[in-house]
Amino acid sequence: MKGCYSYGDTLGELRENIREAILAHLELLKSKNESLPPIKLQGIQKIEIEA
């Protein structure tokens, strides 16, 4: 699969990791002189609940 994937133990960590993954991906595309793909965002969140 192409694109950026990341995770984090907290929402703040996840956001920072996603930011870093996107920047790294864009730099890779730029270094290969590839055009930017259309933006498509998806998200999955795991929520733990104690009963």
C-alpha atoms as a PDB file:
ATOM      1  CA  MET A   1       0.000   0.000   0.000  1.00  0.00           C
ATOM      2  CA  LYS A   2       1.201   3.481  -0.809  1.00  0.00           C
ATOM      3  CA  GLY A   3       0.871   6.377   1.580  1.00  0.00           C
ATOM      4  CA  CYS A   4       1.530   7.167   5.214  1.00  0.00           C
ATOM      5  CA  TYR A   5       0.713   5.031   8.212  1.00  0.00           C
ATOM      6  CA  SER A   6       1.450   5.652  11.856  1.00  0.00           C
ATOM      7  CA  TYR A   7       0.308   5.034  15.426  1.00  0.00           C
ATOM      8  CA  GLY A   8       0.818   6.435  18.903  1.00  0.00           C
ATOM      9  CA  ASP A   9       0.096   5.604  22.508  1.00  0.00           C
ATOM     10  CA  THR A  10      -1.721   8.927  22.962  1.00  0.00           C
ATOM     11  CA  LEU A  11      -3.667  11.137  20.587  1.00  0.00           C
ATOM     12  CA  GLY A  12      -0.937  13.781  20.828  1.00  0.00           C
ATOM     13  CA  GLU A  13       1.771  11.243  20.007  1.00  0.00           C
ATOM     14  CA  LEU A  14      -0.302   9.935  17.113  1.00  0.00           C
ATOM     15  CA  ARG A  15      -0.705  13.421  15.654  1.00  0.00           C
ATOM     16  CA  GLU A  16       3.024  14.097  15.832  1.00  0.00           C
ATOM     17  CA  ASN A  17       3.855  10.699  14.316  1.00  0.00           C
ATOM     18  CA  ILE A  18       1.387  11.274  11.467  1.00  0.00           C
ATOM     19  CA  ARG A  19       2.897  14.704  10.811  1.00  0.00           C
ATOM     20  CA  GLU A  20       6.392  13.200  10.621  1.00  0.00           C
ATOM     21  CA  ALA A  21       5.216  10.361   8.359  1.00  0.00           C
ATOM     22  CA  ILE A  22       3.522  12.776   5.944  1.00  0.00           C
ATOM     23  CA  LEU A  23       6.580  15.041   5.791  1.00  0.00           C
ATOM     24  CA  ALA A  24       8.873  12.056   5.125  1.00  0.00           C
ATOM     25  CA  HIS A  25       6.533  10.757   2.415  1.00  0.00           C
ATOM     26  CA  LEU A  26       6.364  14.166   0.702  1.00  0.00           C
ATOM     27  CA  GLU A  27      10.160  14.467   0.787  1.00  0.00           C
ATOM     28  CA  LEU A  28      10.485  11.023  -0.819  1.00  0.00           C
ATOM     29  CA  LEU A  29       8.057  11.958  -3.597  1.00  0.00           C
ATOM     30  CA  LYS A  30       9.916  15.239  -4.141  1.00  0.00           C
ATOM     31  CA  SER A  31      13.291  13.469  -4.357  1.00  0.00           C
ATOM     32  CA  LYS A  32      11.867  11.172  -7.056  1.00  0.00           C
ATOM     33  CA  ASN A  33      10.249  14.108  -8.912  1.00  0.00           C
ATOM     34  CA  GLU A  34       6.867  12.429  -8.496  1.00  0.00           C
ATOM     35  CA  SER A  35       3.652  14.414  -8.381  1.00  0.00           C
ATOM     36  CA  LEU A  36       1.655  14.594  -5.176  1.00  0.00           C
ATOM     37  CA  PRO A  37      -1.195  12.089  -4.972  1.00  0.00           C
ATOM     38  CA  PRO A  38      -4.760  13.179  -4.201  1.00  0.00           C
ATOM     39  CA  ILE A  39      -5.288  13.540  -0.454  1.00  0.00           C
ATOM     40  CA  LYS A  40      -7.408  10.819   1.136  1.00  0.00           C
ATOM     41  CA  LEU A  41      -7.581  10.615   4.902  1.00  0.00           C
ATOM     42  CA  GLN A  42      -8.720   7.574   6.837  1.00  0.00           C
ATOM     43  CA  GLY A  43      -8.563   6.959  10.523  1.00  0.00           C
ATOM     44  CA  ILE A  44      -8.914   4.143  12.986  1.00  0.00           C
ATOM     45  CA  GLN A  45      -8.968   4.638  16.721  1.00  0.00           C
ATOM     46  CA  LYS A  46      -8.773   1.950  19.341  1.00  0.00           C
ATOM     47  CA  ILE A  47     -10.703   2.713  22.497  1.00  0.00           C
ATOM     48  CA  GLU A  48     -10.330   0.589  25.591  1.00  0.00           C
ATOM     49  CA  ILE A  49     -13.152   0.506  28.125  1.00  0.00           C
ATOM     50  CA  GLU A  50     -12.918  -1.051  31.548  1.00  0.00           C
ATOM     51  CA  ALA A  51     -16.150  -2.694  32.665  1.00  0.00           C
END
